[in-house]
Amino acid sequence: MPALTIAALYKSRWQVELFFKWIKQHLRIKKFLGTSENAVKTQIWCAVCTYVLIAIVKKELQLDASLYALLQILSVSVFEKTQLACALQTCTPIPETPVGANQLNLFNF
């Protein structure tokens, strides 16, 4: 094979390596859930869509935190009933109502 062809193949291979490095660093895919081509593509596209949505939220709310930090915050507070802006910014939470006097205490001896 000519040297130019080999150089072009190596350059293409390097682009693939850089793509997989970016996936490992940014998309937080620990393992693929399926083995078919469609399953892998679907999982990668879902991860890319999540990454892009978080980038859009970061830009819209003008946040200084990194995308990694925002993903960490959202992964911890995924089941909390908190507004997105308050979860990602420093908002003062609404204080909870105090426990009433008719509440029984299990450990009051």
PDB file of N, CA and C in Angstrom:
ATOM      1  N   MET A   1       0.839  -1.188   0.000  1.00  0.00           N
ATOM      2  CA  MET A   1       0.000   0.000   0.000  1.00  0.00           C
ATOM      3  C   MET A   1       0.885   1.253   0.000  1.00  0.00           C
ATOM      4  N   PRO A   2       0.413   2.286  -0.631  1.00  0.00           N
ATOM      5  CA  PRO A   2       1.185   3.540  -0.641  1.00  0.00           C
ATOM      6  C   PRO A   2       1.237   4.166   0.758  1.00  0.00           C
ATOM      7  N   ALA A   3       2.267   4.927   0.992  1.00  0.00           N
ATOM      8  CA  ALA A   3       2.469   5.558   2.298  1.00  0.00           C
ATOM      9  C   ALA A   3       1.344   6.530   2.636  1.00  0.00           C
ATOM     10  N   LEU A   4       0.793   7.228   1.630  1.00  0.00           N
ATOM     11  CA  LEU A   4      -0.296   8.172   1.883  1.00  0.00           C
ATOM     12  C   LEU A   4      -1.560   7.455   2.367  1.00  0.00           C
ATOM     13  N   THR A   5      -1.808   6.275   1.816  1.00  0.00           N
ATOM     14  CA  THR A   5      -2.980   5.500   2.240  1.00  0.00           C
ATOM     15  C   THR A   5      -2.820   5.052   3.685  1.00  0.00           C
ATOM     16  N   ILE A   6      -1.649   4.584   4.042  1.00  0.00           N
ATOM     17  CA  ILE A   6      -1.391   4.149   5.413  1.00  0.00           C
ATOM     18  C   ILE A   6      -1.494   5.331   6.374  1.00  0.00           C
ATOM     19  N   ALA A   7      -0.986   6.476   5.974  1.00  0.00           N
ATOM     20  CA  ALA A   7      -1.080   7.666   6.819  1.00  0.00           C
ATOM     21  C   ALA A   7      -2.529   8.085   7.009  1.00  0.00           C
ATOM     22  N   ALA A   8      -3.337   8.011   5.957  1.00  0.00           N
ATOM     23  CA  ALA A   8      -4.756   8.360   6.063  1.00  0.00           C
ATOM     24  C   ALA A   8      -5.501   7.386   6.971  1.00  0.00           C
ATOM     25  N   LEU A   9      -5.179   6.098   6.867  1.00  0.00           N
ATOM     26  CA  LEU A   9      -5.812   5.105   7.745  1.00  0.00           C
ATOM     27  C   LEU A   9      -5.437   5.347   9.204  1.00  0.00           C
ATOM     28  N   TYR A  10      -4.181   5.666   9.445  1.00  0.00           N
ATOM     29  CA  TYR A  10      -3.741   5.928  10.813  1.00  0.00           C
ATOM     30  C   TYR A  10      -4.425   7.166  11.368  1.00  0.00           C
ATOM     31  N   LYS A  11      -4.580   8.200  10.529  1.00  0.00           N
ATOM     32  CA  LYS A  11      -5.246   9.421  10.966  1.00  0.00           C
ATOM     33  C   LYS A  11      -6.708   9.129  11.306  1.00  0.00           C
ATOM     34  N   SER A  12      -7.371   8.325  10.502  1.00  0.00           N
ATOM     35  CA  SER A  12      -8.758   7.941  10.788  1.00  0.00           C
ATOM     36  C   SER A  12      -8.846   7.144  12.088  1.00  0.00           C
ATOM     37  N   ARG A  13      -7.899   6.235  12.288  1.00  0.00           N
ATOM     38  CA  ARG A  13      -7.879   5.437  13.505  1.00  0.00           C
ATOM     39  C   ARG A  13      -7.693   6.333  14.719  1.00  0.00           C
ATOM     40  N   TRP A  14      -6.851   7.335  14.608  1.00  0.00           N
ATOM     41  CA  TRP A  14      -6.607   8.244  15.712  1.00  0.00           C
ATOM     42  C   TRP A  14      -7.872   9.039  16.056  1.00  0.00           C
ATOM     43  N   GLN A  15      -8.647   9.433  15.057  1.00  0.00           N
ATOM     44  CA  GLN A  15      -9.901  10.144  15.306  1.00  0.00           C
ATOM     45  C   GLN A  15     -10.885   9.262  16.070  1.00  0.00           C
ATOM     46  N   VAL A  16     -10.920   7.985  15.738  1.00  0.00           N
ATOM     47  CA  VAL A  16     -11.786   7.047  16.456  1.00  0.00           C
ATOM     48  C   VAL A  16     -11.327   6.921  17.908  1.00  0.00           C
ATOM     49  N   GLU A  17     -10.018   6.838  18.125  1.00  0.00           N
ATOM     50  CA  GLU A  17      -9.482   6.752  19.486  1.00  0.00           C
ATOM     51  C   GLU A  17      -9.845   7.995  20.292  1.00  0.00           C
ATOM     52  N   LEU A  18      -9.732   9.170  19.679  1.00  0.00           N
ATOM     53  CA  LEU A  18     -10.086  10.411  20.374  1.00  0.00           C
ATOM     54  C   LEU A  18     -11.582  10.457  20.695  1.00  0.00           C
ATOM     55  N   PHE A  19     -12.414   9.950  19.793  1.00  0.00           N
ATOM     56  CA  PHE A  19     -13.854   9.905  20.030  1.00  0.00           C
ATOM     57  C   PHE A  19     -14.176   9.024  21.234  1.00  0.00           C
ATOM     58  N   PHE A  20     -13.575   7.837  21.311  1.00  0.00           N
ATOM     59  CA  PHE A  20     -13.836   6.956  22.442  1.00  0.00           C
ATOM     60  C   PHE A  20     -13.262   7.517  23.742  1.00  0.00           C
ATOM     61  N   LYS A  21     -12.158   8.234  23.664  1.00  0.00           N
ATOM     62  CA  LYS A  21     -11.613   8.889  24.852  1.00  0.00           C
ATOM     63  C   LYS A  21     -12.593   9.945  25.354  1.00  0.00           C
ATOM     64  N   TRP A  22     -13.177  10.730  24.449  1.00  0.00           N
ATOM     65  CA  TRP A  22     -14.160  11.740  24.832  1.00  0.00           C
ATOM     66  C   TRP A  22     -15.389  11.084  25.457  1.00  0.00           C
ATOM     67  N   ILE A  23     -15.847   9.969  24.883  1.00  0.00           N
ATOM     68  CA  ILE A  23     -17.004   9.262  25.435  1.00  0.00           C
ATOM     69  C   ILE A  23     -16.714   8.810  26.864  1.00  0.00           C
ATOM     70  N   LYS A  24     -15.539   8.233  27.085  1.00  0.00           N
ATOM     71  CA  LYS A  24     -15.191   7.744  28.420  1.00  0.00           C
ATOM     72  C   LYS A  24     -15.094   8.883  29.427  1.00  0.00           C
ATOM     73  N   GLN A  25     -14.610  10.030  29.005  1.00  0.00           N
ATOM     74  CA  GLN A  25     -14.407  11.145  29.922  1.00  0.00           C
ATOM     75  C   GLN A  25     -15.680  11.931  30.204  1.00  0.00           C
ATOM     76  N   HIS A  26     -16.587  12.020  29.246  1.00  0.00           N
ATOM     77  CA  HIS A  26     -17.714  12.934  29.397  1.00  0.00           C
ATOM     78  C   HIS A  26     -19.082  12.275  29.543  1.00  0.00           C
ATOM     79  N   LEU A  27     -19.285  11.137  28.965  1.00  0.00           N
ATOM     80  CA  LEU A  27     -20.646  10.585  28.915  1.00  0.00           C
ATOM     81  C   LEU A  27     -20.977   9.632  30.049  1.00  0.00           C
ATOM     82  N   ARG A  28     -20.026   9.279  30.863  1.00  0.00           N
ATOM     83  CA  ARG A  28     -20.243   8.438  32.030  1.00  0.00           C
ATOM     84  C   ARG A  28     -20.932   7.112  31.689  1.00  0.00           C
ATOM     85  N   ILE A  29     -20.531   6.494  30.621  1.00  0.00           N
ATOM     86  CA  ILE A  29     -21.024   5.160  30.273  1.00  0.00           C
ATOM     87  C   ILE A  29     -20.046   4.158  30.872  1.00  0.00           C
ATOM     88  N   LYS A  30     -20.487   3.456  31.892  1.00  0.00           N
ATOM     89  CA  LYS A  30     -19.610   2.495  32.558  1.00  0.00           C
ATOM     90  C   LYS A  30     -19.549   1.179  31.795  1.00  0.00           C
ATOM     91  N   LYS A  31     -20.679   0.736  31.293  1.00  0.00           N
ATOM     92  CA  LYS A  31     -20.720  -0.482  30.480  1.00  0.00           C
ATOM     93  C   LYS A  31     -21.921  -0.386  29.556  1.00  0.00           C
ATOM     94  N   PHE A  32     -21.857  -1.111  28.464  1.00  0.00           N
ATOM     95  CA  PHE A  32     -22.970  -1.121  27.530  1.00  0.00           C
ATOM     96  C   PHE A  32     -23.989  -2.155  27.993  1.00  0.00           C
ATOM     97  N   LEU A  33     -25.253  -1.767  27.961  1.00  0.00           N
ATOM     98  CA  LEU A  33     -26.320  -2.624  28.470  1.00  0.00           C
ATOM     99  C   LEU A  33     -26.731  -3.699  27.479  1.00  0.00           C
ATOM    100  N   GLY A  34     -26.444  -3.493  26.220  1.00  0.00           N
ATOM    101  CA  GLY A  34     -26.758  -4.477  25.192  1.00  0.00           C
ATOM    102  C   GLY A  34     -25.534  -4.778  24.363  1.00  0.00           C
ATOM    103  N   THR A  35     -25.651  -5.810  23.528  1.00  0.00           N
ATOM    104  CA  THR A  35     -24.508  -6.194  22.705  1.00  0.00           C
ATOM    105  C   THR A  35     -24.727  -5.913  21.227  1.00  0.00           C
ATOM    106  N   SER A  36     -25.950  -5.614  20.845  1.00  0.00           N
ATOM    107  CA  SER A  36     -26.204  -5.360  19.428  1.00  0.00           C
ATOM    108  C   SER A  36     -25.751  -3.947  19.061  1.00  0.00           C
ATOM    109  N   GLU A  37     -25.581  -3.717  17.792  1.00  0.00           N
ATOM    110  CA  GLU A  37     -25.180  -2.393  17.309  1.00  0.00           C
ATOM    111  C   GLU A  37     -26.224  -1.349  17.671  1.00  0.00           C
ATOM    112  N   ASN A  38     -27.499  -1.707  17.531  1.00  0.00           N
ATOM    113  CA  ASN A  38     -28.579  -0.780  17.843  1.00  0.00           C
ATOM    114  C   ASN A  38     -28.583  -0.411  19.326  1.00  0.00           C
ATOM    115  N   ALA A  39     -28.341  -1.378  20.205  1.00  0.00           N
ATOM    116  CA  ALA A  39     -28.335  -1.111  21.643  1.00  0.00           C
ATOM    117  C   ALA A  39     -27.201  -0.155  22.019  1.00  0.00           C
ATOM    118  N   VAL A  40     -26.035  -0.372  21.449  1.00  0.00           N
ATOM    119  CA  VAL A  40     -24.886   0.486  21.748  1.00  0.00           C
ATOM    120  C   VAL A  40     -25.126   1.900  21.226  1.00  0.00           C
ATOM    121  N   LYS A  41     -25.624   2.001  19.989  1.00  0.00           N
ATOM    122  CA  LYS A  41     -25.907   3.328  19.422  1.00  0.00           C
ATOM    123  C   LYS A  41     -26.967   4.064  20.232  1.00  0.00           C
ATOM    124  N   THR A  42     -28.006   3.350  20.657  1.00  0.00           N
ATOM    125  CA  THR A  42     -29.072   3.974  21.441  1.00  0.00           C
ATOM    126  C   THR A  42     -28.532   4.489  22.766  1.00  0.00           C
ATOM    127  N   GLN A  43     -27.709   3.706  23.433  1.00  0.00           N
ATOM    128  CA  GLN A  43     -27.151   4.128  24.712  1.00  0.00           C
ATOM    129  C   GLN A  43     -26.229   5.332  24.541  1.00  0.00           C
ATOM    130  N   ILE A  44     -25.418   5.341  23.489  1.00  0.00           N
ATOM    131  CA  ILE A  44     -24.532   6.485  23.249  1.00  0.00           C
ATOM    132  C   ILE A  44     -25.351   7.730  22.937  1.00  0.00           C
ATOM    133  N   TRP A  45     -26.388   7.602  22.102  1.00  0.00           N
ATOM    134  CA  TRP A  45     -27.208   8.767  21.760  1.00  0.00           C
ATOM    135  C   TRP A  45     -27.953   9.312  22.977  1.00  0.00           C
ATOM    136  N   CYS A  46     -28.428   8.437  23.851  1.00  0.00           N
ATOM    137  CA  CYS A  46     -29.091   8.899  25.080  1.00  0.00           C
ATOM    138  C   CYS A  46     -28.112   9.669  25.961  1.00  0.00           C
ATOM    139  N   ALA A  47     -26.887   9.169  26.072  1.00  0.00           N
ATOM    140  CA  ALA A  47     -25.882   9.848  26.877  1.00  0.00           C
ATOM    141  C   ALA A  47     -25.491  11.192  26.260  1.00  0.00           C
ATOM    142  N   VAL A  48     -25.369  11.239  24.936  1.00  0.00           N
ATOM    143  CA  VAL A  48     -25.042  12.502  24.256  1.00  0.00           C
ATOM    144  C   VAL A  48     -26.177  13.514  24.447  1.00  0.00           C
ATOM    145  N   CYS A  49     -27.428  13.064  24.325  1.00  0.00           N
ATOM    146  CA  CYS A  49     -28.574  13.961  24.519  1.00  0.00           C
ATOM    147  C   CYS A  49     -28.594  14.523  25.935  1.00  0.00           C
ATOM    148  N   THR A  50     -28.313  13.688  26.927  1.00  0.00           N
ATOM    149  CA  THR A  50     -28.255  14.156  28.315  1.00  0.00           C
ATOM    150  C   THR A  50     -27.156  15.190  28.484  1.00  0.00           C
ATOM    151  N   TYR A  51     -26.009  14.928  27.906  1.00  0.00           N
ATOM    152  CA  TYR A  51     -24.879  15.849  27.999  1.00  0.00           C
ATOM    153  C   TYR A  51     -25.236  17.202  27.368  1.00  0.00           C
ATOM    154  N   VAL A  52     -25.875  17.163  26.211  1.00  0.00           N
ATOM    155  CA  VAL A  52     -26.241  18.403  25.519  1.00  0.00           C
ATOM    156  C   VAL A  52     -27.316  19.170  26.300  1.00  0.00           C
ATOM    157  N   LEU A  53     -28.292  18.459  26.868  1.00  0.00           N
ATOM    158  CA  LEU A  53     -29.322  19.124  27.665  1.00  0.00           C
ATOM    159  C   LEU A  53     -28.723  19.821  28.887  1.00  0.00           C
ATOM    160  N   ILE A  54     -27.780  19.180  29.537  1.00  0.00           N
ATOM    161  CA  ILE A  54     -27.127  19.804  30.691  1.00  0.00           C
ATOM    162  C   ILE A  54     -26.311  21.015  30.243  1.00  0.00           C
ATOM    163  N   ALA A  55     -25.675  20.932  29.080  1.00  0.00           N
ATOM    164  CA  ALA A  55     -24.927  22.085  28.549  1.00  0.00           C
ATOM    165  C   ALA A  55     -25.871  23.249  28.255  1.00  0.00           C
ATOM    166  N   ILE A  56     -27.057  22.952  27.738  1.00  0.00           N
ATOM    167  CA  ILE A  56     -28.037  24.009  27.462  1.00  0.00           C
ATOM    168  C   ILE A  56     -28.523  24.641  28.759  1.00  0.00           C
ATOM    169  N   VAL A  57     -28.802  23.816  29.768  1.00  0.00           N
ATOM    170  CA  VAL A  57     -29.240  24.337  31.070  1.00  0.00           C
ATOM    171  C   VAL A  57     -28.152  25.207  31.679  1.00  0.00           C
ATOM    172  N   LYS A  58     -26.906  24.759  31.565  1.00  0.00           N
ATOM    173  CA  LYS A  58     -25.787  25.552  32.093  1.00  0.00           C
ATOM    174  C   LYS A  58     -25.720  26.921  31.432  1.00  0.00           C
ATOM    175  N   LYS A  59     -25.908  26.954  30.129  1.00  0.00           N
ATOM    176  CA  LYS A  59     -25.852  28.233  29.408  1.00  0.00           C
ATOM    177  C   LYS A  59     -27.051  29.113  29.739  1.00  0.00           C
ATOM    178  N   GLU A  60     -28.246  28.512  29.790  1.00  0.00           N
ATOM    179  CA  GLU A  60     -29.457  29.303  30.061  1.00  0.00           C
ATOM    180  C   GLU A  60     -29.441  29.902  31.464  1.00  0.00           C
ATOM    181  N   LEU A  61     -28.958  29.137  32.454  1.00  0.00           N
ATOM    182  CA  LEU A  61     -28.912  29.627  33.830  1.00  0.00           C
ATOM    183  C   LEU A  61     -27.624  30.375  34.145  1.00  0.00           C
ATOM    184  N   GLN A  62     -26.726  30.453  33.169  1.00  0.00           N
ATOM    185  CA  GLN A  62     -25.444  31.151  33.301  1.00  0.00           C
ATOM    186  C   GLN A  62     -24.690  30.677  34.537  1.00  0.00           C
ATOM    187  N   LEU A  63     -24.478  29.364  34.619  1.00  0.00           N
ATOM    188  CA  LEU A  63     -23.799  28.762  35.758  1.00  0.00           C
ATOM    189  C   LEU A  63     -22.303  28.698  35.509  1.00  0.00           C
ATOM    190  N   ASP A  64     -21.530  28.837  36.577  1.00  0.00           N
ATOM    191  CA  ASP A  64     -20.081  28.787  36.471  1.00  0.00           C
ATOM    192  C   ASP A  64     -19.529  27.378  36.676  1.00  0.00           C
ATOM    193  N   ALA A  65     -20.327  26.498  37.236  1.00  0.00           N
ATOM    194  CA  ALA A  65     -19.866  25.142  37.533  1.00  0.00           C
ATOM    195  C   ALA A  65     -19.600  24.378  36.237  1.00  0.00           C
ATOM    196  N   SER A  66     -18.735  23.389  36.335  1.00  0.00           N
ATOM    197  CA  SER A  66     -18.433  22.568  35.165  1.00  0.00           C
ATOM    198  C   SER A  66     -19.598  21.626  34.875  1.00  0.00           C
ATOM    199  N   LEU A  67     -19.618  21.085  33.671  1.00  0.00           N
ATOM    200  CA  LEU A  67     -20.664  20.134  33.320  1.00  0.00           C
ATOM    201  C   LEU A  67     -20.580  18.895  34.192  1.00  0.00           C
ATOM    202  N   TYR A  68     -19.376  18.495  34.547  1.00  0.00           N
ATOM    203  CA  TYR A  68     -19.203  17.336  35.414  1.00  0.00           C
ATOM    204  C   TYR A  68     -19.837  17.585  36.780  1.00  0.00           C
ATOM    205  N   ALA A  69     -19.611  18.776  37.333  1.00  0.00           N
ATOM    206  CA  ALA A  69     -20.194  19.109  38.637  1.00  0.00           C
ATOM    207  C   ALA A  69     -21.718  19.153  38.558  1.00  0.00           C
ATOM    208  N   LEU A  70     -22.243  19.699  37.481  1.00  0.00           N
ATOM    209  CA  LEU A  70     -23.703  19.748  37.317  1.00  0.00           C
ATOM    210  C   LEU A  70     -24.292  18.347  37.212  1.00  0.00           C
ATOM    211  N   LEU A  71     -23.623  17.466  36.483  1.00  0.00           N
ATOM    212  CA  LEU A  71     -24.089  16.086  36.382  1.00  0.00           C
ATOM    213  C   LEU A  71     -24.036  15.392  37.736  1.00  0.00           C
ATOM    214  N   GLN A  72     -23.024  15.684  38.541  1.00  0.00           N
ATOM    215  CA  GLN A  72     -22.937  15.107  39.879  1.00  0.00           C
ATOM    216  C   GLN A  72     -24.101  15.587  40.745  1.00  0.00           C
ATOM    217  N   ILE A  73     -24.408  16.877  40.692  1.00  0.00           N
ATOM    218  CA  ILE A  73     -25.511  17.433  41.484  1.00  0.00           C
ATOM    219  C   ILE A  73     -26.831  16.796  41.062  1.00  0.00           C
ATOM    220  N   LEU A  74     -27.037  16.683  39.770  1.00  0.00           N
ATOM    221  CA  LEU A  74     -28.294  16.111  39.290  1.00  0.00           C
ATOM    222  C   LEU A  74     -28.401  14.621  39.588  1.00  0.00           C
ATOM    223  N   SER A  75     -27.298  13.914  39.574  1.00  0.00           N
ATOM    224  CA  SER A  75     -27.374  12.483  39.870  1.00  0.00           C
ATOM    225  C   SER A  75     -27.698  12.239  41.338  1.00  0.00           C
ATOM    226  N   VAL A  76     -27.306  13.149  42.217  1.00  0.00           N
ATOM    227  CA  VAL A  76     -27.610  13.011  43.639  1.00  0.00           C
ATOM    228  C   VAL A  76     -29.048  13.418  43.928  1.00  0.00           C
ATOM    229  N   SER A  77     -29.535  14.454  43.253  1.00  0.00           N
ATOM    230  CA  SER A  77     -30.857  14.990  43.561  1.00  0.00           C
ATOM    231  C   SER A  77     -31.907  14.587  42.538  1.00  0.00           C
ATOM    232  N   VAL A  78     -31.746  13.435  41.925  1.00  0.00           N
ATOM    233  CA  VAL A  78     -32.661  13.039  40.855  1.00  0.00           C
ATOM    234  C   VAL A  78     -34.069  12.733  41.381  1.00  0.00           C
ATOM    235  N   PHE A  79     -34.180  12.231  42.612  1.00  0.00           N
ATOM    236  CA  PHE A  79     -35.485  11.878  43.142  1.00  0.00           C
ATOM    237  C   PHE A  79     -36.034  12.916  44.111  1.00  0.00           C
ATOM    238  N   GLU A  80     -35.356  14.026  44.263  1.00  0.00           N
ATOM    239  CA  GLU A  80     -35.853  15.097  45.123  1.00  0.00           C
ATOM    240  C   GLU A  80     -36.791  15.994  44.342  1.00  0.00           C
ATOM    241  N   LYS A  81     -37.757  16.556  45.050  1.00  0.00           N
ATOM    242  CA  LYS A  81     -38.724  17.446  44.416  1.00  0.00           C
ATOM    243  C   LYS A  81     -38.214  18.876  44.573  1.00  0.00           C
ATOM    244  N   THR A  82     -37.197  19.209  43.810  1.00  0.00           N
ATOM    245  CA  THR A  82     -36.561  20.519  43.865  1.00  0.00           C
ATOM    246  C   THR A  82     -36.574  21.126  42.477  1.00  0.00           C
ATOM    247  N   GLN A  83     -36.801  22.424  42.414  1.00  0.00           N
ATOM    248  CA  GLN A  83     -36.728  23.088  41.114  1.00  0.00           C
ATOM    249  C   GLN A  83     -35.298  23.019  40.600  1.00  0.00           C
ATOM    250  N   LEU A  84     -35.177  22.911  39.295  1.00  0.00           N
ATOM    251  CA  LEU A  84     -33.860  22.744  38.680  1.00  0.00           C
ATOM    252  C   LEU A  84     -32.948  23.924  38.980  1.00  0.00           C
ATOM    253  N   ALA A  85     -33.482  25.132  38.922  1.00  0.00           N
ATOM    254  CA  ALA A  85     -32.663  26.317  39.185  1.00  0.00           C
ATOM    255  C   ALA A  85     -32.150  26.320  40.619  1.00  0.00           C
ATOM    256  N   CYS A  86     -32.972  25.876  41.571  1.00  0.00           N
ATOM    257  CA  CYS A  86     -32.531  25.831  42.972  1.00  0.00           C
ATOM    258  C   CYS A  86     -31.538  24.708  43.211  1.00  0.00           C
ATOM    259  N   ALA A  87     -31.681  23.612  42.505  1.00  0.00           N
ATOM    260  CA  ALA A  87     -30.752  22.497  42.695  1.00  0.00           C
ATOM    261  C   ALA A  87     -29.369  22.855  42.172  1.00  0.00           C
ATOM    262  N   LEU A  88     -29.295  23.663  41.141  1.00  0.00           N
ATOM    263  CA  LEU A  88     -28.012  23.972  40.515  1.00  0.00           C
ATOM    264  C   LEU A  88     -27.400  25.277  41.003  1.00  0.00           C
ATOM    265  N   GLN A  89     -28.204  26.147  41.604  1.00  0.00           N
ATOM    266  CA  GLN A  89     -27.694  27.404  42.130  1.00  0.00           C
ATOM    267  C   GLN A  89     -27.810  27.390  43.645  1.00  0.00           C
ATOM    268  N   THR A  90     -27.269  28.406  44.278  1.00  0.00           N
ATOM    269  CA  THR A  90     -27.354  28.490  45.732  1.00  0.00           C
ATOM    270  C   THR A  90     -28.627  29.219  46.114  1.00  0.00           C
ATOM    271  N   CYS A  91     -29.715  28.483  46.214  1.00  0.00           N
ATOM    272  CA  CYS A  91     -30.996  29.036  46.648  1.00  0.00           C
ATOM    273  C   CYS A  91     -31.191  28.705  48.121  1.00  0.00           C
ATOM    274  N   THR A  92     -31.954  29.529  48.784  1.00  0.00           N
ATOM    275  CA  THR A  92     -32.299  29.208  50.167  1.00  0.00           C
ATOM    276  C   THR A  92     -33.514  28.297  50.142  1.00  0.00           C
ATOM    277  N   PRO A  93     -33.377  27.103  50.720  1.00  0.00           N
ATOM    278  CA  PRO A  93     -34.508  26.175  50.693  1.00  0.00           C
ATOM    279  C   PRO A  93     -35.638  26.639  51.590  1.00  0.00           C
ATOM    280  N   ILE A  94     -36.832  26.244  51.256  1.00  0.00           N
ATOM    281  CA  ILE A  94     -38.004  26.561  52.062  1.00  0.00           C
ATOM    282  C   ILE A  94     -37.936  25.711  53.329  1.00  0.00           C
ATOM    283  N   PRO A  95     -38.022  26.349  54.514  1.00  0.00           N
ATOM    284  CA  PRO A  95     -37.911  25.557  55.741  1.00  0.00           C
ATOM    285  C   PRO A  95     -39.106  24.627  55.900  1.00  0.00           C
ATOM    286  N   GLU A  96     -38.802  23.451  56.452  1.00  0.00           N
ATOM    287  CA  GLU A  96     -39.867  22.489  56.672  1.00  0.00           C
ATOM    288  C   GLU A  96     -40.681  22.900  57.884  1.00  0.00           C
ATOM    289  N   THR A  97     -41.928  22.492  57.904  1.00  0.00           N
ATOM    290  CA  THR A  97     -42.783  22.805  59.040  1.00  0.00           C
ATOM    291  C   THR A  97     -42.343  21.958  60.232  1.00  0.00           C
ATOM    292  N   PRO A  98     -42.361  22.538  61.448  1.00  0.00           N
ATOM    293  CA  PRO A  98     -41.927  21.784  62.613  1.00  0.00           C
ATOM    294  C   PRO A  98     -42.903  20.655  62.933  1.00  0.00           C
ATOM    295  N   VAL A  99     -42.357  19.652  63.559  1.00  0.00           N
ATOM    296  CA  VAL A  99     -43.168  18.503  63.928  1.00  0.00           C
ATOM    297  C   VAL A  99     -44.110  18.919  65.041  1.00  0.00           C
ATOM    298  N   GLY A 100     -45.369  18.563  64.896  1.00  0.00           N
ATOM    299  CA  GLY A 100     -46.387  18.956  65.868  1.00  0.00           C
ATOM    300  C   GLY A 100     -46.205  18.272  67.215  1.00  0.00           C
ATOM    301  N   ALA A 101     -46.895  18.795  68.221  1.00  0.00           N
ATOM    302  CA  ALA A 101     -46.789  18.253  69.574  1.00  0.00           C
ATOM    303  C   ALA A 101     -47.456  16.889  69.674  1.00  0.00           C
ATOM    304  N   ASN A 102     -48.367  16.583  68.773  1.00  0.00           N
ATOM    305  CA  ASN A 102     -49.049  15.296  68.833  1.00  0.00           C
ATOM    306  C   ASN A 102     -48.255  14.184  68.178  1.00  0.00           C
ATOM    307  N   GLN A 103     -47.044  14.488  67.713  1.00  0.00           N
ATOM    308  CA  GLN A 103     -46.180  13.474  67.090  1.00  0.00           C
ATOM    309  C   GLN A 103     -45.561  12.612  68.178  1.00  0.00           C
ATOM    310  N   LEU A 104     -45.692  11.309  68.079  1.00  0.00           N
ATOM    311  CA  LEU A 104     -45.106  10.402  69.041  1.00  0.00           C
ATOM    312  C   LEU A 104     -43.620  10.255  68.774  1.00  0.00           C
ATOM    313  N   ASN A 105     -42.845  10.139  69.834  1.00  0.00           N
ATOM    314  CA  ASN A 105     -41.407   9.949  69.723  1.00  0.00           C
ATOM    315  C   ASN A 105     -41.088   8.531  70.146  1.00  0.00           C
ATOM    316  N   LEU A 106     -40.481   7.787  69.279  1.00  0.00           N
ATOM    317  CA  LEU A 106     -40.188   6.387  69.532  1.00  0.00           C
ATOM    318  C   LEU A 106     -39.127   6.212  70.619  1.00  0.00           C
ATOM    319  N   PHE A 107     -38.169   7.132  70.699  1.00  0.00           N
ATOM    320  CA  PHE A 107     -37.034   6.968  71.597  1.00  0.00           C
ATOM    321  C   PHE A 107     -37.124   7.882  72.813  1.00  0.00           C
ATOM    322  N   ASN A 108     -38.282   8.325  73.217  1.00  0.00           N
ATOM    323  CA  ASN A 108     -38.448   9.162  74.384  1.00  0.00           C
ATOM    324  C   ASN A 108     -38.821   8.273  75.555  1.00  0.00           C
ATOM    325  N   PHE A 109     -37.871   7.981  76.450  1.00  0.00           N
ATOM    326  CA  PHE A 109     -38.129   7.058  77.547  1.00  0.00           C
ATOM    327  C   PHE A 109     -38.530   7.783  78.792  1.00  0.00           C
TER     328      PHE A 109
END
